[in-house]
N, C-alpha and C. Protein backbone atom coordinates (compact mmCIF):
# COMPACT_ATOMS: atom_id res chain seq x y z
N SER A 1 -24.63 -14.01 -9.84
CA SER A 1 -23.47 -14.42 -9.71
C SER A 1 -23.11 -15.64 -9.47
N THR A 2 -23.75 -16.24 -8.42
CA THR A 2 -23.40 -17.60 -8.05
C THR A 2 -23.77 -18.65 -9.38
N SER A 3 -25.11 -18.39 -10.32
CA SER A 3 -25.53 -18.99 -11.16
C SER A 3 -24.52 -19.06 -12.25
N TRP A 4 -23.84 -17.94 -12.21
CA TRP A 4 -22.83 -17.71 -13.30
C TRP A 4 -21.60 -18.49 -13.13
N VAL A 5 -21.30 -18.90 -11.88
CA VAL A 5 -20.12 -19.74 -11.21
C VAL A 5 -20.61 -21.15 -11.54
N LYS A 6 -21.87 -21.52 -11.34
CA LYS A 6 -22.19 -22.80 -11.72
C LYS A 6 -22.41 -23.33 -13.05
N ASP A 7 -22.80 -22.11 -13.84
CA ASP A 7 -22.85 -22.42 -15.21
C ASP A 7 -21.61 -22.79 -15.98
N ASN A 8 -20.92 -22.11 -15.56
CA ASN A 8 -19.32 -22.16 -16.09
C ASN A 8 -18.55 -23.39 -15.40
N LYS A 9 -19.20 -23.90 -14.44
CA LYS A 9 -18.43 -25.12 -13.92
C LYS A 9 -17.23 -24.54 -13.15
N MET A 10 -17.38 -23.64 -12.48
CA MET A 10 -16.45 -23.25 -11.67
C MET A 10 -16.68 -23.28 -9.77
N ALA A 11 -15.66 -23.21 -9.07
CA ALA A 11 -15.83 -23.61 -7.93
C ALA A 11 -15.40 -22.17 -7.29
N CYS A 12 -16.25 -21.66 -6.23
CA CYS A 12 -16.00 -20.41 -5.58
C CYS A 12 -16.23 -20.26 -4.37
N ALA A 13 -15.13 -19.72 -3.40
CA ALA A 13 -15.59 -20.12 -1.82
C ALA A 13 -15.66 -18.60 -1.59
N GLY A 14 -16.84 -18.54 -1.14
CA GLY A 14 -17.23 -16.90 -0.66
C GLY A 14 -16.48 -16.53 0.42
N ASP A 15 -15.83 -17.26 1.34
CA ASP A 15 -15.00 -16.45 2.26
C ASP A 15 -13.63 -16.28 1.89
N LYS A 16 -13.46 -16.58 0.38
CA LYS A 16 -11.82 -16.33 -0.16
C LYS A 16 -12.09 -15.49 -1.20
N THR A 17 -13.27 -14.93 -1.55
CA THR A 17 -13.35 -14.08 -2.99
C THR A 17 -13.21 -12.86 -2.56
N LYS A 18 -12.76 -12.13 -3.29
CA LYS A 18 -12.60 -10.64 -3.21
C LYS A 18 -13.19 -9.70 -4.45
N LEU A 19 -13.70 -8.62 -4.23
CA LEU A 19 -14.25 -7.60 -4.79
C LEU A 19 -13.10 -6.58 -5.54
N LEU A 20 -12.68 -6.50 -6.47
CA LEU A 20 -11.76 -5.43 -6.82
C LEU A 20 -12.45 -4.66 -7.62
N VAL A 21 -12.88 -3.51 -7.67
CA VAL A 21 -13.54 -2.28 -8.62
C VAL A 21 -12.32 -1.91 -9.35
N ILE A 22 -11.93 -1.95 -10.45
CA ILE A 22 -11.16 -1.28 -10.91
C ILE A 22 -11.42 0.24 -11.83
N GLY A 23 -10.57 1.31 -11.60
CA GLY A 23 -10.99 2.54 -12.30
C GLY A 23 -10.55 3.58 -11.43
N THR A 24 -11.14 5.04 -11.51
CA THR A 24 -10.81 6.11 -11.05
C THR A 24 -11.31 6.26 -9.65
N LYS A 25 -10.95 7.07 -8.78
CA LYS A 25 -11.39 7.14 -7.48
C LYS A 25 -12.88 7.33 -7.51
N GLN A 26 -13.04 8.31 -8.56
CA GLN A 26 -14.70 8.67 -8.64
C GLN A 26 -15.68 7.57 -9.19
N LEU A 27 -15.07 6.62 -9.88
CA LEU A 27 -15.92 5.65 -10.37
C LEU A 27 -16.05 4.38 -9.32
N ARG A 28 -14.46 4.17 -8.80
CA ARG A 28 -14.83 3.32 -7.29
C ARG A 28 -16.06 3.69 -6.59
N ALA A 29 -16.13 5.02 -6.21
CA ALA A 29 -17.06 5.48 -5.14
C ALA A 29 -18.35 5.38 -5.71
N ALA A 30 -18.50 5.81 -7.12
CA ALA A 30 -19.88 5.60 -7.75
C ALA A 30 -20.50 4.42 -7.45
N LYS A 31 -19.72 3.55 -7.97
CA LYS A 31 -19.97 2.09 -8.02
C LYS A 31 -20.06 1.19 -6.68
N LEU A 32 -19.18 1.59 -5.69
CA LEU A 32 -19.28 0.97 -4.59
C LEU A 32 -20.01 1.28 -3.34
N PHE A 33 -20.55 2.96 -3.09
CA PHE A 33 -20.91 3.59 -2.08
C PHE A 33 -21.85 4.21 -2.58
N GLU A 34 -23.18 4.51 -1.86
CA GLU A 34 -24.02 5.37 -2.10
C GLU A 34 -23.75 6.61 -1.31
N THR A 35 -24.72 6.71 0.14
CA THR A 35 -24.20 7.77 0.89
C THR A 35 -23.70 6.99 2.18
N GLY A 36 -22.61 7.75 2.76
CA GLY A 36 -21.91 7.45 4.09
C GLY A 36 -21.46 6.15 3.55
N GLU A 37 -21.44 4.93 4.50
CA GLU A 37 -20.53 3.76 4.28
C GLU A 37 -21.55 2.65 3.71
N GLU A 38 -22.74 2.75 3.40
CA GLU A 38 -23.62 1.70 2.69
C GLU A 38 -22.51 1.14 1.44
N ARG A 39 -22.39 0.00 1.55
CA ARG A 39 -22.23 -0.64 0.16
C ARG A 39 -23.02 -0.44 -1.01
N LYS A 40 -22.88 -0.13 -2.23
CA LYS A 40 -24.17 -0.06 -3.33
C LYS A 40 -23.98 -1.31 -4.04
N LEU A 41 -22.81 -1.62 -4.17
CA LEU A 41 -22.51 -2.81 -5.03
C LEU A 41 -22.27 -3.99 -4.20
N LYS A 42 -23.40 -5.16 -4.13
CA LYS A 42 -22.89 -6.23 -3.21
C LYS A 42 -22.93 -7.53 -4.06
N ILE A 43 -22.26 -8.30 -3.79
CA ILE A 43 -22.17 -9.42 -4.54
C ILE A 43 -22.01 -10.80 -3.31
N GLU A 44 -23.11 -11.81 -3.36
CA GLU A 44 -22.79 -12.90 -2.58
C GLU A 44 -22.27 -13.82 -3.20
N VAL A 45 -21.69 -14.85 -2.82
CA VAL A 45 -21.10 -16.35 -3.35
C VAL A 45 -21.34 -17.49 -2.23
N ASP A 46 -22.27 -18.27 -2.36
CA ASP A 46 -22.52 -19.20 -1.39
C ASP A 46 -23.10 -18.37 -0.08
N GLY A 47 -24.13 -17.41 -0.34
CA GLY A 47 -24.56 -16.77 0.90
C GLY A 47 -23.91 -15.68 1.84
N ILE A 48 -22.46 -15.70 1.35
CA ILE A 48 -21.60 -15.08 2.03
C ILE A 48 -21.19 -13.72 1.12
N GLU A 49 -21.38 -12.25 1.75
CA GLU A 49 -21.17 -11.08 1.13
C GLU A 49 -19.67 -10.94 0.70
N VAL A 50 -19.40 -10.72 -0.70
CA VAL A 50 -17.73 -10.36 -0.83
C VAL A 50 -17.45 -9.30 -0.42
N GLU A 51 -16.29 -9.23 0.08
CA GLU A 51 -15.63 -8.13 0.51
C GLU A 51 -14.53 -7.33 -0.51
N ALA A 52 -15.17 -6.42 -0.49
CA ALA A 52 -14.38 -4.96 -1.16
C ALA A 52 -12.82 -4.85 -0.81
N THR A 53 -11.93 -5.01 -1.75
CA THR A 53 -10.54 -4.84 -1.42
C THR A 53 -9.74 -3.60 -2.35
N ASN A 54 -8.83 -3.13 -1.72
CA ASN A 54 -8.26 -2.08 -2.69
C ASN A 54 -7.17 -2.82 -3.44
N SER A 55 -6.50 -3.90 -3.09
CA SER A 55 -5.28 -4.85 -3.99
C SER A 55 -5.58 -6.18 -3.54
N GLU A 56 -5.27 -7.07 -4.42
CA GLU A 56 -5.28 -8.54 -4.28
C GLU A 56 -3.63 -8.96 -4.90
N LYS A 57 -3.57 -10.19 -4.20
CA LYS A 57 -2.44 -10.85 -4.93
C LYS A 57 -2.91 -11.79 -6.04
N LEU A 58 -2.42 -11.95 -7.01
CA LEU A 58 -2.78 -12.96 -8.20
C LEU A 58 -1.71 -13.29 -8.82
N LEU A 59 -1.50 -14.77 -8.49
CA LEU A 59 -0.27 -15.39 -9.30
C LEU A 59 1.28 -14.45 -9.02
N GLY A 60 1.16 -14.30 -7.47
CA GLY A 60 2.36 -13.76 -7.46
C GLY A 60 2.51 -12.09 -7.75
N LEU A 61 1.73 -11.52 -8.28
CA LEU A 61 1.60 -10.09 -8.59
C LEU A 61 0.63 -9.38 -7.64
N VAL A 62 0.51 -8.41 -7.08
CA VAL A 62 -0.28 -7.41 -6.56
C VAL A 62 -0.95 -6.66 -7.49
N VAL A 63 -2.10 -6.61 -7.69
CA VAL A 63 -3.14 -5.79 -8.61
C VAL A 63 -3.67 -4.86 -7.59
N ASN A 64 -3.84 -3.74 -7.86
CA ASN A 64 -4.77 -2.84 -7.23
C ASN A 64 -5.63 -2.16 -7.86
N SER A 65 -6.55 -1.37 -7.53
CA SER A 65 -7.77 -0.88 -8.03
C SER A 65 -7.54 -0.02 -9.09
N GLU A 66 -6.21 0.55 -9.03
CA GLU A 66 -6.03 2.08 -9.68
C GLU A 66 -5.11 1.44 -10.99
N MET A 67 -5.17 0.15 -10.92
CA MET A 67 -4.53 -0.31 -11.88
C MET A 67 -2.87 0.27 -12.30
N THR A 68 -2.17 0.21 -11.18
CA THR A 68 -1.02 0.88 -11.05
C THR A 68 -0.15 -0.25 -10.25
N TRP A 69 1.06 -0.15 -10.39
CA TRP A 69 2.33 -1.26 -9.85
C TRP A 69 2.66 -0.85 -8.52
N LYS A 70 2.21 0.21 -7.86
CA LYS A 70 2.63 0.68 -6.70
C LYS A 70 2.67 -0.17 -5.46
N ASP A 71 1.44 -1.06 -5.41
CA ASP A 71 1.50 -2.14 -4.38
C ASP A 71 2.49 -3.27 -4.53
N TYR A 72 2.65 -3.69 -5.79
CA TYR A 72 3.44 -4.62 -6.14
C TYR A 72 5.08 -4.37 -5.94
N LEU A 73 5.25 -3.17 -6.32
CA LEU A 73 6.47 -2.50 -6.12
C LEU A 73 6.96 -2.10 -4.53
N TYR A 74 6.09 -1.24 -3.89
CA TYR A 74 6.50 -0.89 -2.60
C TYR A 74 5.65 -1.39 -1.83
N GLY A 75 4.77 -2.13 -1.86
CA GLY A 75 4.08 -2.89 -0.69
C GLY A 75 2.62 -2.25 -0.42
N GLU A 76 1.85 -3.14 0.41
CA GLU A 76 0.52 -2.77 0.60
C GLU A 76 0.62 -1.94 1.93
N LYS A 77 0.21 -0.81 2.23
CA LYS A 77 0.33 -0.23 3.17
C LYS A 77 -0.81 -0.17 3.95
N TRP A 78 -2.05 -0.37 3.33
CA TRP A 78 -3.52 -0.48 3.77
C TRP A 78 -3.99 -1.52 4.62
N ARG A 79 -2.97 -2.68 4.78
CA ARG A 79 -3.46 -3.85 5.29
C ARG A 79 -2.87 -3.83 6.70
N THR A 80 -3.79 -4.44 7.63
CA THR A 80 -3.22 -4.52 8.68
C THR A 80 -2.58 -6.10 8.92
N ARG A 81 -2.75 -6.74 8.31
CA ARG A 81 -2.21 -8.28 8.36
C ARG A 81 -1.86 -8.68 7.06
N GLU A 82 -1.14 -9.89 6.70
CA GLU A 82 -0.85 -10.43 5.75
C GLU A 82 -0.50 -9.11 4.64
N ASN A 83 0.32 -8.26 5.37
CA ASN A 83 0.71 -7.20 4.16
C ASN A 83 1.56 -7.75 3.25
N PHE A 84 1.54 -7.34 1.83
CA PHE A 84 2.79 -7.71 1.25
C PHE A 84 3.82 -6.48 1.21
N GLN A 85 4.97 -7.38 1.38
CA GLN A 85 6.25 -6.06 1.46
C GLN A 85 6.42 -5.29 0.35
N GLY A 86 6.25 -5.91 -0.49
CA GLY A 86 6.82 -5.15 -1.89
C GLY A 86 8.20 -5.46 -2.58
N LEU A 87 8.30 -5.66 -4.13
CA LEU A 87 9.34 -6.02 -4.73
C LEU A 87 10.61 -5.17 -4.23
N MET A 88 10.54 -3.93 -4.11
CA MET A 88 11.89 -3.38 -3.74
C MET A 88 12.38 -3.42 -2.49
N PRO A 89 11.47 -3.56 -1.81
CA PRO A 89 12.14 -3.95 -0.29
C PRO A 89 12.81 -5.49 -0.39
N GLN A 90 12.17 -6.19 -1.21
CA GLN A 90 12.73 -7.72 -1.06
C GLN A 90 13.79 -7.60 -1.81
N LEU A 91 14.06 -6.84 -3.14
CA LEU A 91 15.35 -6.83 -3.65
C LEU A 91 16.18 -6.18 -2.80
N SER A 92 16.11 -5.27 -2.03
CA SER A 92 17.07 -4.40 -1.33
C SER A 92 17.56 -5.27 -0.21
N GLN A 93 17.05 -6.25 0.10
CA GLN A 93 17.34 -7.38 1.14
C GLN A 93 18.38 -8.45 0.47
N ARG A 94 18.09 -8.46 -0.78
CA ARG A 94 18.71 -9.67 -1.55
C ARG A 94 19.90 -9.09 -2.18
N VAL A 95 20.23 -7.72 -2.47
CA VAL A 95 21.23 -7.16 -2.42
C VAL A 95 22.15 -6.96 -1.50
N GLY A 96 21.70 -6.80 -0.05
CA GLY A 96 22.54 -6.83 1.06
C GLY A 96 23.07 -8.32 1.37
N MET A 97 22.30 -9.13 0.98
CA MET A 97 22.66 -10.65 1.11
C MET A 97 23.75 -10.87 0.13
N LEU A 98 23.74 -10.43 -1.21
CA LEU A 98 24.57 -10.87 -2.10
C LEU A 98 25.98 -9.88 -1.73
N LYS A 99 26.00 -8.67 -1.13
CA LYS A 99 27.19 -8.17 -0.64
C LYS A 99 27.85 -8.95 0.70
N ARG A 100 27.26 -9.41 1.28
CA ARG A 100 27.90 -10.59 2.28
C ARG A 100 28.43 -11.78 1.73
N LEU A 101 27.50 -12.31 0.50
CA LEU A 101 28.02 -13.56 0.04
C LEU A 101 29.42 -13.19 -0.98
N VAL A 102 29.57 -11.99 -1.51
CA VAL A 102 30.41 -11.82 -2.54
C VAL A 102 31.79 -12.14 -1.84
N LYS A 103 32.11 -11.86 -0.38
CA LYS A 103 33.18 -11.92 -0.14
C LYS A 103 33.70 -13.22 0.47
N ILE A 104 32.69 -14.49 0.39
CA ILE A 104 33.03 -15.60 1.12
C ILE A 104 32.79 -16.70 0.03
N VAL A 105 32.09 -16.58 -1.25
CA VAL A 105 31.70 -17.31 -1.94
C VAL A 105 32.33 -17.27 -3.27
N PRO A 106 33.10 -18.27 -4.06
CA PRO A 106 33.58 -18.32 -5.11
C PRO A 106 32.92 -17.47 -6.17
N LYS A 107 33.63 -17.04 -7.21
CA LYS A 107 32.91 -16.32 -8.10
C LYS A 107 31.78 -16.97 -8.83
N ALA A 108 32.20 -18.32 -9.36
CA ALA A 108 31.55 -19.03 -10.28
C ALA A 108 30.04 -19.30 -9.44
N ARG A 109 30.26 -19.58 -8.24
CA ARG A 109 28.99 -20.00 -7.33
C ARG A 109 28.19 -18.92 -6.87
N PHE A 110 28.94 -17.42 -6.85
CA PHE A 110 28.26 -16.17 -6.54
C PHE A 110 27.40 -16.02 -7.94
N ASN A 111 27.87 -16.05 -9.08
CA ASN A 111 27.16 -15.85 -10.16
C ASN A 111 25.82 -16.64 -10.31
N MET A 112 25.92 -17.93 -9.89
CA MET A 112 24.97 -18.83 -9.66
C MET A 112 23.62 -18.29 -8.72
N LEU A 113 24.31 -17.94 -7.44
CA LEU A 113 23.48 -17.32 -6.52
C LEU A 113 22.94 -16.19 -6.86
N SER A 114 23.71 -15.25 -7.64
CA SER A 114 23.21 -14.04 -7.73
C SER A 114 21.48 -13.95 -8.98
N HIS A 115 21.97 -14.73 -9.96
CA HIS A 115 20.90 -15.26 -10.55
C HIS A 115 19.57 -15.98 -9.81
N GLY A 116 20.09 -16.77 -8.93
CA GLY A 116 18.73 -17.43 -8.36
C GLY A 116 18.20 -16.34 -7.20
N LEU A 117 19.04 -15.64 -6.56
CA LEU A 117 18.28 -14.67 -5.62
C LEU A 117 17.86 -13.24 -5.99
N PHE A 118 18.60 -12.84 -6.86
CA PHE A 118 18.05 -11.50 -7.39
C PHE A 118 17.30 -11.49 -8.89
N ASN A 119 17.88 -11.86 -9.61
CA ASN A 119 17.55 -12.12 -11.01
C ASN A 119 15.87 -12.74 -10.94
N SER A 120 15.92 -13.75 -10.57
CA SER A 120 15.02 -14.54 -10.75
C SER A 120 13.52 -13.80 -10.29
N LYS A 121 14.03 -13.16 -9.12
CA LYS A 121 12.79 -11.84 -8.33
C LYS A 121 12.41 -10.95 -9.26
N LEU A 122 13.58 -10.53 -10.01
CA LEU A 122 13.34 -9.00 -10.80
C LEU A 122 12.87 -9.54 -12.06
N LEU A 123 13.02 -10.57 -12.75
CA LEU A 123 12.47 -10.90 -14.07
C LEU A 123 11.41 -11.50 -14.06
N TYR A 124 10.90 -12.03 -12.69
CA TYR A 124 9.16 -12.51 -12.73
C TYR A 124 8.18 -11.84 -13.43
N CYS A 125 7.64 -12.12 -14.25
CA CYS A 125 6.52 -11.15 -14.91
C CYS A 125 7.03 -10.21 -15.64
N LEU A 126 8.08 -10.17 -16.33
CA LEU A 126 8.75 -9.18 -16.99
C LEU A 126 7.90 -8.66 -18.15
N GLN A 127 7.19 -9.77 -18.80
CA GLN A 127 6.33 -9.51 -19.99
C GLN A 127 5.26 -8.46 -19.52
N VAL A 128 4.65 -8.75 -18.10
CA VAL A 128 3.56 -7.78 -17.85
C VAL A 128 4.01 -6.49 -17.56
N PHE A 129 5.54 -6.13 -17.27
CA PHE A 129 5.74 -4.96 -16.99
C PHE A 129 6.28 -4.29 -18.10
N SER A 130 7.01 -4.99 -19.12
CA SER A 130 7.50 -4.46 -20.38
C SER A 130 6.23 -3.88 -21.33
N ASN A 131 5.08 -4.64 -21.09
CA ASN A 131 3.65 -4.16 -21.79
C ASN A 131 3.42 -3.27 -21.44
N VAL A 132 3.17 -2.73 -20.19
CA VAL A 132 2.77 -1.67 -19.20
C VAL A 132 3.49 -0.56 -19.80
N TRP A 133 4.75 -0.73 -19.26
CA TRP A 133 5.75 0.39 -19.44
C TRP A 133 6.52 0.66 -20.99
N GLY A 134 6.18 -0.31 -21.92
CA GLY A 134 6.39 0.05 -23.46
C GLY A 134 8.04 -0.22 -23.62
N PHE A 135 8.40 -0.90 -22.98
CA PHE A 135 9.77 -1.56 -23.03
C PHE A 135 9.99 -2.57 -24.18
N GLY A 136 10.83 -2.51 -25.12
CA GLY A 136 10.72 -3.60 -26.06
C GLY A 136 9.77 -3.61 -27.01
N LEU A 137 8.97 -2.60 -27.02
CA LEU A 137 7.89 -2.37 -28.20
C LEU A 137 8.07 -1.09 -29.19
N ASP A 138 7.94 -1.37 -30.47
CA ASP A 138 8.09 -0.58 -31.53
C ASP A 138 6.96 0.47 -31.40
N ASP A 139 7.18 1.67 -31.92
CA ASP A 139 6.00 2.75 -32.00
C ASP A 139 4.84 2.13 -32.42
N THR A 140 4.79 1.15 -33.60
CA THR A 140 3.30 0.94 -34.07
C THR A 140 2.62 -0.12 -32.89
N THR A 141 3.75 -0.91 -32.19
CA THR A 141 3.10 -1.71 -31.39
C THR A 141 2.68 -1.02 -30.11
N ARG A 142 3.46 -0.03 -29.88
CA ARG A 142 2.84 0.92 -28.57
C ARG A 142 1.83 1.45 -28.61
N ARG A 143 1.30 1.93 -29.72
CA ARG A 143 0.05 2.82 -29.86
C ARG A 143 -1.05 1.66 -29.99
N ASN A 144 -0.87 0.56 -30.35
CA ASN A 144 -1.91 -0.24 -30.46
C ASN A 144 -2.53 -1.19 -29.15
N THR A 145 -1.50 -0.90 -28.23
CA THR A 145 -1.92 -1.55 -26.82
C THR A 145 -2.66 -0.77 -25.90
């Protein structure tokens, strides 16, 4: 693994690298664990064993081992610290803020604020979500993805 990183002229920090095995619970259990809690799949980078994780943040999106959006939408519940709050709670907070702002901000400015506070968060990576959920795709394209 370290030679692959060097051969491809990549830099990889062992203490920051995470292992995310994607698949069903049975597949992940078969790949990661033998009997008990001993890890079957071990990867080392710079002499440091890479930590296995259930989900990780990548370019602002939380990708989980089941390839669902629940951790991104509703937050990571399994982390004890550096927990990602989730998109839905963030949008809910922004709706509350906009409800207060609509009373005191002129309409033209409010539209600008709402686009900046709410729509920008909602529309981030819409292409990823639309491809997963099938929005905006005709039947032929949806079958081929």
